[in-house]
Amino acid sequence: MLSLIGREKELFTNDIIKYESELKSIVSSASFLVLGGAGSIGQAVTKEIFKRNPKKLHVVDISENNMVELVRDIRSSFGYINGDFQTFALDIGSIEYDAFIKADGKYDYVLNLSALKHVRSEKDPFTLMRMIDVNVFNTEKTMLQAAEKGSKKYFCVSTDKAANPVNMMGASKRIMEMFLMRRSADITISTARFANVAFSDGSLLHSFNQRIQKRQPIVAPKDIKRYFVTPQESGELCLMSCIFGENRDIFFPKLSESLHLITFADIAVKYLEDLGYEPYLCASEDEARELVTTLPQQGKWPCLFVGSDTTGEKDFEEFFTDNETLDMERFGNLGVIKNDAIYDAGLIALFENEISEMKSVKAWKKEQIVKLFFKILPDFGHKETGKYLDSKM
């Protein structure tokens, strides 16, 4: 996978080796709850914890099928542990989940990896509201529960798109970080911002696999560059932040020769060449759909590489802003944003109240939510183009 994203070395090997004995000692004597544990990042984090033999590891996710695959993957790769390992197919926002926490809820570390992560989820007001529920209010709820049950640490994954956000997904995570700062007085919290996870479920790179299996054209933007980490690297980053992060720390991967920008189109070319196919550039969707019936037999695969004009696409990626304080010395390849407990309680209350009012009447428009986001984040760089990814192949 590393060669497909344009590099040769894993990012965090030296840091993991340096801290491995301490990691094993802490994990093996602790209990963990992983929320959203059957998603790509959640699975990676769960495996990082499992292989270090925790006393208790409970995994919650709404996807029953992905949970089954997680267990099969863990059993096939690592086998068994002496500790209590269980999975629960639950919706974090449900009464059933609340009953689950009430029945036990005793965990040293709670890690929340659940999220609506797609920019395309902001296209309609209803999915957008669910994004707010999952990314913000489920975080608030589970953070409060962890504090009430006496957990020593709450970790929640953020995103690089929360730094100077231009889309609603990134802005929802930035608002989530505000909620985290507020609750940091009640429980120690840490988080992580990082790049795209290569070939994660639902990602464009994952769709390359799907397109090949279904004998369909490969489509990718040619003008968007992104940083990529592997699933294992995402798991390592989250675990390092969870275990070693001080209160309000945000971990991120340092930029280096091992981590550089690469376009989706360049990855598509490497991916096809790795499979033995020569990319064939098409001029339209119709041409690409037509040629896919004949070109593969000739060792070629139809590709459509286009410019991006959809809402929410950021021209560049960044892990921190100019006004954030950094610790670049503690770890070799991990940077840390240091935060004081600074937040605007009035803005948080405004956000809670206006969202609650929208829900109470069961009617809201996207424009209302966008306007609210601009109130909470005055520097929000959102631009509506009227075009979304679902309108493309």
Protein backbone atom coordinates (compact mmCIF):
# COMPACT_ATOMS: atom_id res chain seq x y z
CA MET A 1 0.00 0.00 0.00
CA LEU A 2 2.85 2.43 0.77
CA SER A 3 4.09 2.45 -2.82
CA LEU A 4 0.58 3.31 -4.06
CA ILE A 5 0.51 6.49 -1.97
CA GLY A 6 3.96 7.49 -3.12
CA ARG A 7 6.26 6.58 -0.25
CA GLU A 8 8.49 3.80 1.06
CA LYS A 9 8.55 4.19 4.85
CA GLU A 10 5.92 3.90 7.56
CA LEU A 11 5.47 7.16 9.44
CA PHE A 12 5.51 6.27 13.12
CA THR A 13 7.80 3.23 13.33
CA ASN A 14 10.49 4.95 15.40
CA ASP A 15 8.01 6.45 17.87
CA ILE A 16 6.19 3.14 18.29
CA ILE A 17 9.44 1.27 18.87
CA LYS A 18 10.62 3.88 21.40
CA TYR A 19 7.39 3.74 23.42
CA GLU A 20 6.39 0.10 22.83
CA SER A 21 7.25 -1.26 26.26
CA GLU A 22 5.35 1.58 27.93
CA LEU A 23 2.41 1.09 25.56
CA LYS A 24 2.24 -2.61 26.34
CA SER A 25 2.46 -2.01 30.08
CA ILE A 26 -0.35 0.57 30.08
CA VAL A 27 -2.66 -1.26 27.66
CA SER A 28 -2.26 -4.67 29.31
CA SER A 29 -3.37 -3.28 32.66
CA ALA A 30 -6.31 -1.19 31.40
CA SER A 31 -9.86 -1.46 30.07
CA PHE A 32 -11.02 0.13 26.81
CA LEU A 33 -14.27 1.07 25.09
CA VAL A 34 -13.97 1.77 21.36
CA LEU A 35 -16.95 3.55 19.81
CA GLY A 36 -17.33 3.37 16.05
CA GLY A 37 -14.91 0.48 16.22
CA ALA A 38 -15.96 -1.24 13.00
CA GLY A 39 -15.12 1.64 10.67
CA SER A 40 -11.73 1.74 8.98
CA ILE A 41 -10.02 3.84 11.66
CA GLY A 42 -11.97 2.14 14.43
CA GLN A 43 -10.85 -1.30 13.27
CA ALA A 44 -7.24 -0.12 13.06
CA VAL A 45 -7.38 1.29 16.61
CA THR A 46 -9.10 -1.83 17.95
CA LYS A 47 -6.36 -4.03 16.50
CA GLU A 48 -3.62 -1.84 17.98
CA ILE A 49 -5.21 -2.24 21.42
CA PHE A 50 -6.03 -5.93 21.04
CA LYS A 51 -2.51 -7.00 20.12
CA ARG A 52 -1.21 -5.45 23.35
CA ASN A 53 -3.43 -7.72 25.50
CA PRO A 54 -5.84 -5.35 27.33
CA LYS A 55 -7.75 -6.44 30.45
CA LYS A 56 -11.04 -5.44 28.81
CA LEU A 57 -11.81 -4.36 25.25
CA HIS A 58 -15.41 -3.65 24.29
CA VAL A 59 -16.25 -2.43 20.79
CA VAL A 60 -19.45 -0.66 19.79
CA ASP A 61 -20.58 0.07 16.24
CA ILE A 62 -23.90 0.47 14.44
CA SER A 63 -22.74 -1.75 11.55
CA GLU A 64 -23.41 -5.38 12.41
CA ASN A 65 -21.73 -6.69 9.25
CA ASN A 66 -18.54 -4.67 9.71
CA MET A 67 -18.38 -5.85 13.32
CA VAL A 68 -18.49 -9.47 12.19
CA GLU A 69 -15.62 -8.80 9.79
CA LEU A 70 -13.63 -7.08 12.55
CA VAL A 71 -13.88 -10.16 14.76
CA ARG A 72 -12.96 -12.48 11.90
CA ASP A 73 -9.99 -10.26 11.04
CA ILE A 74 -8.75 -10.14 14.65
CA ARG A 75 -9.15 -13.89 15.17
CA SER A 76 -7.36 -14.61 11.90
CA SER A 77 -4.48 -12.19 12.58
CA PHE A 78 -3.98 -12.22 16.35
CA GLY A 79 -6.02 -15.06 17.81
CA TYR A 80 -7.20 -14.52 21.39
CA ILE A 81 -6.39 -12.58 24.55
CA ASN A 82 -6.87 -13.39 28.22
CA GLY A 83 -8.93 -10.25 28.73
CA ASP A 84 -12.62 -9.62 28.12
CA PHE A 85 -13.13 -8.94 24.39
CA GLN A 86 -16.70 -8.31 23.23
CA THR A 87 -18.48 -6.45 20.44
CA PHE A 88 -21.89 -4.78 20.57
CA ALA A 89 -23.95 -3.74 17.53
CA LEU A 90 -25.44 -0.58 19.02
CA ASP A 91 -26.29 2.96 17.92
CA ILE A 92 -24.44 5.35 20.23
CA GLY A 93 -27.38 7.73 20.18
CA SER A 94 -29.88 5.06 21.31
CA ILE A 95 -31.54 4.16 24.59
CA GLU A 96 -30.06 0.67 24.23
CA TYR A 97 -26.57 2.17 24.29
CA ASP A 98 -27.44 4.19 27.40
CA ALA A 99 -28.63 0.98 29.09
CA PHE A 100 -25.37 -0.70 28.05
CA ILE A 101 -23.35 2.06 29.73
CA LYS A 102 -25.57 2.02 32.80
CA ALA A 103 -25.09 -1.75 33.20
CA ASP A 104 -21.31 -1.41 33.43
CA GLY A 105 -19.60 1.53 31.77
CA LYS A 106 -16.38 1.05 33.73
CA TYR A 107 -13.56 1.78 31.30
CA ASP A 108 -10.20 3.43 31.84
CA TYR A 109 -10.10 4.72 28.27
CA VAL A 110 -13.01 5.62 26.01
CA LEU A 111 -12.11 6.14 22.35
CA ASN A 112 -14.71 7.61 20.02
CA LEU A 113 -14.00 6.91 16.36
CA SER A 114 -17.58 7.28 15.14
CA ALA A 115 -18.15 10.03 12.57
CA LEU A 116 -19.91 11.10 9.45
CA LYS A 117 -16.78 11.82 7.48
CA HIS A 118 -17.90 12.50 3.91
CA VAL A 119 -18.09 16.00 2.48
CA ARG A 120 -20.95 14.69 0.35
CA SER A 121 -23.04 14.26 3.51
CA GLU A 122 -23.64 18.00 3.62
CA LYS A 123 -25.67 18.04 0.40
CA ASP A 124 -29.10 17.83 2.09
CA PRO A 125 -30.35 19.30 5.39
CA PHE A 126 -31.38 15.96 6.88
CA THR A 127 -28.07 14.11 6.48
CA LEU A 128 -26.33 17.31 7.55
CA MET A 129 -28.29 17.31 10.81
CA ARG A 130 -27.32 13.69 11.39
CA MET A 131 -23.69 14.70 10.83
CA ILE A 132 -24.07 17.27 13.60
CA ASP A 133 -25.66 14.66 15.87
CA VAL A 134 -22.93 12.09 15.28
CA ASN A 135 -19.91 14.39 15.18
CA VAL A 136 -20.92 16.83 17.92
CA PHE A 137 -23.76 15.72 20.18
CA ASN A 138 -22.87 12.01 20.37
CA THR A 139 -19.38 13.14 21.34
CA GLU A 140 -20.82 15.37 24.07
CA LYS A 141 -23.07 12.58 25.32
CA THR A 142 -20.39 9.87 25.45
CA MET A 143 -17.87 12.27 26.97
CA LEU A 144 -20.28 13.08 29.80
CA GLN A 145 -20.97 9.38 30.36
CA ALA A 146 -17.24 8.62 30.50
CA ALA A 147 -16.72 11.38 33.05
CA GLU A 148 -19.65 10.20 35.18
CA LYS A 149 -18.32 6.63 35.17
CA GLY A 150 -14.87 7.73 36.25
CA SER A 151 -12.90 7.03 33.05
CA LYS A 152 -9.39 8.44 33.18
CA LYS A 153 -9.27 9.50 29.51
CA TYR A 154 -11.57 10.32 26.61
CA PHE A 155 -10.14 10.30 23.10
CA CYS A 156 -12.05 11.49 20.06
CA VAL A 157 -10.78 11.60 16.50
CA SER A 158 -10.91 14.93 14.70
CA THR A 159 -9.76 15.71 11.15
CA ASP A 160 -7.25 17.86 9.30
CA LYS A 161 -10.31 19.52 7.75
CA ALA A 162 -11.06 21.09 11.15
CA ALA A 163 -8.08 23.42 10.67
CA ASN A 164 -9.49 26.47 8.84
CA PRO A 165 -12.53 24.47 7.67
CA VAL A 166 -14.17 25.09 4.29
CA ASN A 167 -16.82 22.34 4.44
CA MET A 168 -19.56 21.45 6.89
CA MET A 169 -17.89 18.18 7.86
CA GLY A 170 -14.66 19.93 8.87
CA ALA A 171 -16.63 22.67 10.61
CA SER A 172 -18.65 20.11 12.59
CA LYS A 173 -15.39 18.62 13.83
CA ARG A 174 -14.05 22.07 14.70
CA ILE A 175 -17.21 22.69 16.75
CA MET A 176 -16.73 19.25 18.31
CA GLU A 177 -13.26 20.39 19.42
CA MET A 178 -14.92 23.37 21.17
CA PHE A 179 -17.17 20.95 23.07
CA LEU A 180 -14.09 18.90 24.00
CA MET A 181 -12.37 21.97 25.44
CA ARG A 182 -15.44 22.69 27.58
CA ARG A 183 -15.54 19.18 29.05
CA SER A 184 -11.77 19.02 29.61
CA ALA A 185 -12.50 20.36 33.11
CA ASP A 186 -14.46 17.17 33.85
CA ILE A 187 -12.30 14.52 32.16
CA THR A 188 -8.88 14.42 30.51
CA ILE A 189 -9.36 14.55 26.75
CA SER A 190 -7.11 14.26 23.72
CA THR A 191 -7.69 14.02 20.02
CA ALA A 192 -5.93 13.70 16.67
CA ARG A 193 -6.05 15.37 13.29
CA PHE A 194 -4.68 13.43 10.40
CA ALA A 195 -4.75 12.91 6.70
CA ASN A 196 -6.91 10.76 4.47
CA VAL A 197 -6.74 7.09 5.40
CA ALA A 198 -5.73 5.24 2.25
CA PHE A 199 -8.31 2.74 0.97
CA SER A 200 -10.60 3.26 3.97
CA ASP A 201 -14.25 2.25 3.59
CA GLY A 202 -16.17 4.67 1.41
CA SER A 203 -13.09 6.58 0.30
CA LEU A 204 -12.27 7.29 -3.32
CA LEU A 205 -9.28 4.93 -3.14
CA HIS A 206 -11.50 2.18 -1.74
CA SER A 207 -13.82 2.75 -4.69
CA PHE A 208 -10.94 1.89 -7.05
CA ASN A 209 -11.17 -1.68 -5.71
CA GLN A 210 -14.92 -1.67 -6.24
CA ARG A 211 -14.66 -0.34 -9.77
CA ILE A 212 -12.15 -3.03 -10.77
CA GLN A 213 -14.27 -5.82 -9.25
CA LYS A 214 -17.38 -4.51 -11.03
CA ARG A 215 -15.51 -3.76 -14.27
CA GLN A 216 -16.29 -0.07 -14.23
CA PRO A 217 -14.18 2.99 -15.14
CA ILE A 218 -11.80 4.64 -12.69
CA VAL A 219 -12.70 8.27 -11.98
CA ALA A 220 -10.58 10.70 -9.95
CA PRO A 221 -9.94 14.45 -9.60
CA LYS A 222 -6.69 15.52 -11.22
CA ASP A 223 -6.25 18.81 -9.37
CA ILE A 224 -6.68 17.84 -5.71
CA LYS A 225 -3.64 16.83 -3.65
CA ARG A 226 -3.96 15.11 -0.30
CA TYR A 227 -1.81 13.59 2.44
CA PHE A 228 -2.44 9.89 3.04
CA VAL A 229 -1.77 7.58 5.96
CA THR A 230 -2.28 3.82 6.03
CA PRO A 231 -4.98 2.28 8.23
CA GLN A 232 -2.33 0.95 10.61
CA GLU A 233 -0.76 4.40 10.89
CA SER A 234 -4.17 5.89 11.72
CA GLY A 235 -4.55 3.32 14.50
CA GLU A 236 -1.07 4.03 15.87
CA LEU A 237 -1.65 7.79 15.86
CA CYS A 238 -4.94 7.47 17.73
CA LEU A 239 -3.51 5.08 20.32
CA MET A 240 -0.46 7.30 20.93
CA SER A 241 -2.71 10.32 21.47
CA CYS A 242 -5.06 8.34 23.73
CA ILE A 243 -2.30 6.93 25.93
CA PHE A 244 0.27 9.72 25.94
CA GLY A 245 -1.73 12.85 25.15
CA GLU A 246 -2.00 15.37 27.96
CA ASN A 247 -5.28 17.15 28.60
CA ARG A 248 -6.52 18.97 25.47
CA ASP A 249 -3.64 17.78 23.27
CA ILE A 250 -4.28 17.32 19.55
CA PHE A 251 -1.81 14.97 17.85
CA PHE A 252 -0.98 15.13 14.14
CA PRO A 253 1.61 13.60 11.78
CA LYS A 254 4.62 15.78 11.13
CA LEU A 255 5.22 16.68 7.53
CA SER A 256 8.38 15.06 6.23
CA GLU A 257 9.86 13.45 3.15
CA SER A 258 7.79 10.39 4.08
CA LEU A 259 4.51 12.32 4.09
CA HIS A 260 3.85 14.45 1.06
CA LEU A 261 0.97 15.55 -1.11
CA ILE A 262 -0.16 13.34 -3.97
CA THR A 263 -3.12 13.64 -6.33
CA PHE A 264 -5.91 11.08 -6.51
CA ALA A 265 -5.19 10.72 -10.22
CA ASP A 266 -1.54 9.84 -9.53
CA ILE A 267 -2.62 7.16 -7.06
CA ALA A 268 -5.10 5.79 -9.62
CA VAL A 269 -2.28 5.43 -12.15
CA LYS A 270 -0.03 3.65 -9.62
CA TYR A 271 -2.94 1.44 -8.56
CA LEU A 272 -3.74 0.33 -12.12
CA GLU A 273 -0.10 -0.23 -12.98
CA ASP A 274 0.26 -2.37 -9.86
CA LEU A 275 -2.58 -4.53 -11.21
CA GLY A 276 -0.91 -4.75 -14.62
CA TYR A 277 -3.15 -2.28 -16.45
CA GLU A 278 -2.18 0.75 -18.51
CA PRO A 279 -4.40 3.77 -17.74
CA TYR A 280 -6.35 4.98 -20.78
CA LEU A 281 -7.51 8.59 -20.45
CA CYS A 282 -11.06 9.24 -21.60
CA ALA A 283 -12.72 12.53 -22.47
CA SER A 284 -16.19 11.82 -21.05
CA GLU A 285 -18.21 9.53 -18.79
CA ASP A 286 -19.94 8.02 -21.80
CA GLU A 287 -16.63 7.12 -23.45
CA ALA A 288 -15.31 5.61 -20.22
CA ARG A 289 -18.44 3.50 -19.70
CA GLU A 290 -18.34 2.29 -23.29
CA LEU A 291 -14.64 1.39 -23.38
CA VAL A 292 -14.67 -0.59 -20.14
CA THR A 293 -16.27 -3.49 -22.02
CA THR A 294 -13.29 -3.86 -24.38
CA LEU A 295 -10.13 -2.18 -23.02
CA PRO A 296 -9.36 -4.51 -20.07
CA GLN A 297 -8.84 -7.41 -22.48
CA GLN A 298 -6.09 -5.28 -24.07
CA GLY A 299 -4.38 -4.64 -20.74
CA LYS A 300 -5.78 -1.11 -20.47
CA TRP A 301 -8.34 0.48 -18.15
CA PRO A 302 -10.51 3.51 -18.96
CA CYS A 303 -9.93 6.49 -16.66
CA LEU A 304 -11.62 9.85 -16.37
CA PHE A 305 -9.47 12.42 -14.59
CA VAL A 306 -11.33 15.70 -14.13
CA GLY A 307 -11.09 19.01 -12.35
CA SER A 308 -12.99 19.46 -9.09
CA ASP A 309 -15.87 21.92 -8.84
CA THR A 310 -17.94 20.46 -5.99
CA THR A 311 -18.92 22.12 -2.71
CA GLY A 312 -16.56 21.68 0.22
CA GLU A 313 -13.33 20.76 -1.52
CA LYS A 314 -10.30 22.37 0.07
CA ASP A 315 -7.44 23.43 -2.19
CA PHE A 316 -4.83 22.30 0.34
CA GLU A 317 -4.58 20.40 3.63
CA GLU A 318 -3.21 21.58 6.95
CA PHE A 319 -3.05 20.03 10.41
CA PHE A 320 -2.81 23.21 12.47
CA THR A 321 -3.39 26.96 12.19
CA ASP A 322 -1.04 29.88 12.71
CA ASN A 323 -2.52 30.74 16.10
CA GLU A 324 -2.12 27.27 17.64
CA THR A 325 0.79 26.41 19.97
CA LEU A 326 2.86 23.42 18.87
CA ASP A 327 5.14 20.92 20.58
CA MET A 328 7.36 19.49 17.85
CA GLU A 329 10.02 18.07 20.17
CA ARG A 330 8.39 15.34 22.27
CA PHE A 331 7.98 12.77 19.47
CA GLY A 332 9.94 12.01 16.33
CA ASN A 333 7.15 12.00 13.77
CA LEU A 334 4.20 13.20 15.83
CA GLY A 335 3.44 16.84 16.40
CA VAL A 336 1.23 18.03 19.25
CA ILE A 337 -1.06 21.06 19.40
CA LYS A 338 -1.17 22.34 22.99
CA ASN A 339 -4.48 23.88 24.05
CA ASP A 340 -5.58 25.85 27.06
CA ALA A 341 -9.16 25.42 28.29
CA ILE A 342 -10.33 28.34 26.17
CA TYR A 343 -13.80 28.27 24.68
CA ASP A 344 -16.77 30.58 24.27
CA ALA A 345 -19.53 29.20 26.48
CA GLY A 346 -22.02 31.60 24.92
CA LEU A 347 -21.35 30.33 21.40
CA ILE A 348 -21.63 26.70 22.51
CA ALA A 349 -24.95 27.45 24.22
CA LEU A 350 -26.16 29.28 21.11
CA PHE A 351 -25.29 26.26 18.97
CA GLU A 352 -27.06 23.85 21.34
CA ASN A 353 -30.17 26.00 21.57
CA GLU A 354 -30.58 26.73 17.85
CA ILE A 355 -30.09 23.09 16.86
CA SER A 356 -32.56 22.05 19.56
CA GLU A 357 -35.13 24.52 18.24
CA MET A 358 -34.76 23.21 14.69
CA LYS A 359 -35.27 19.65 15.88
CA SER A 360 -38.27 20.54 18.05
CA VAL A 361 -40.30 21.66 15.02
CA LYS A 362 -38.89 18.88 12.81
CA ALA A 363 -38.20 21.40 10.07
CA TRP A 364 -35.00 23.14 9.02
CA LYS A 365 -33.15 24.20 5.89
CA LYS A 366 -29.52 23.78 5.04
CA GLU A 367 -29.20 27.57 4.82
CA GLN A 368 -30.21 27.84 8.48
CA ILE A 369 -27.49 25.44 9.56
CA VAL A 370 -24.86 27.10 7.38
CA LYS A 371 -25.79 30.49 8.86
CA LEU A 372 -25.45 29.04 12.36
CA PHE A 373 -22.04 27.59 11.54
CA PHE A 374 -20.88 31.05 10.43
CA LYS A 375 -22.05 32.47 13.78
CA ILE A 376 -20.03 29.86 15.68
CA LEU A 377 -17.01 29.97 13.35
CA PRO A 378 -16.69 33.53 11.96
CA ASP A 379 -13.72 32.54 9.76
CA PHE A 380 -15.57 29.56 8.25
CA GLY A 381 -14.50 29.38 4.59
CA HIS A 382 -17.57 27.60 3.23
CA LYS A 383 -18.54 28.30 -0.39
CA GLU A 384 -21.65 26.82 -1.96
CA THR A 385 -21.14 25.80 -5.61
CA GLY A 386 -24.44 23.95 -6.00
CA LYS A 387 -22.52 20.87 -7.17
CA TYR A 388 -21.97 17.69 -5.16
CA LEU A 389 -20.11 14.43 -5.61
CA ASP A 390 -23.32 12.43 -5.91
CA SER A 391 -23.98 14.16 -9.23
CA LYS A 392 -20.81 12.64 -10.69
CA MET A 393 -19.79 9.13 -11.71
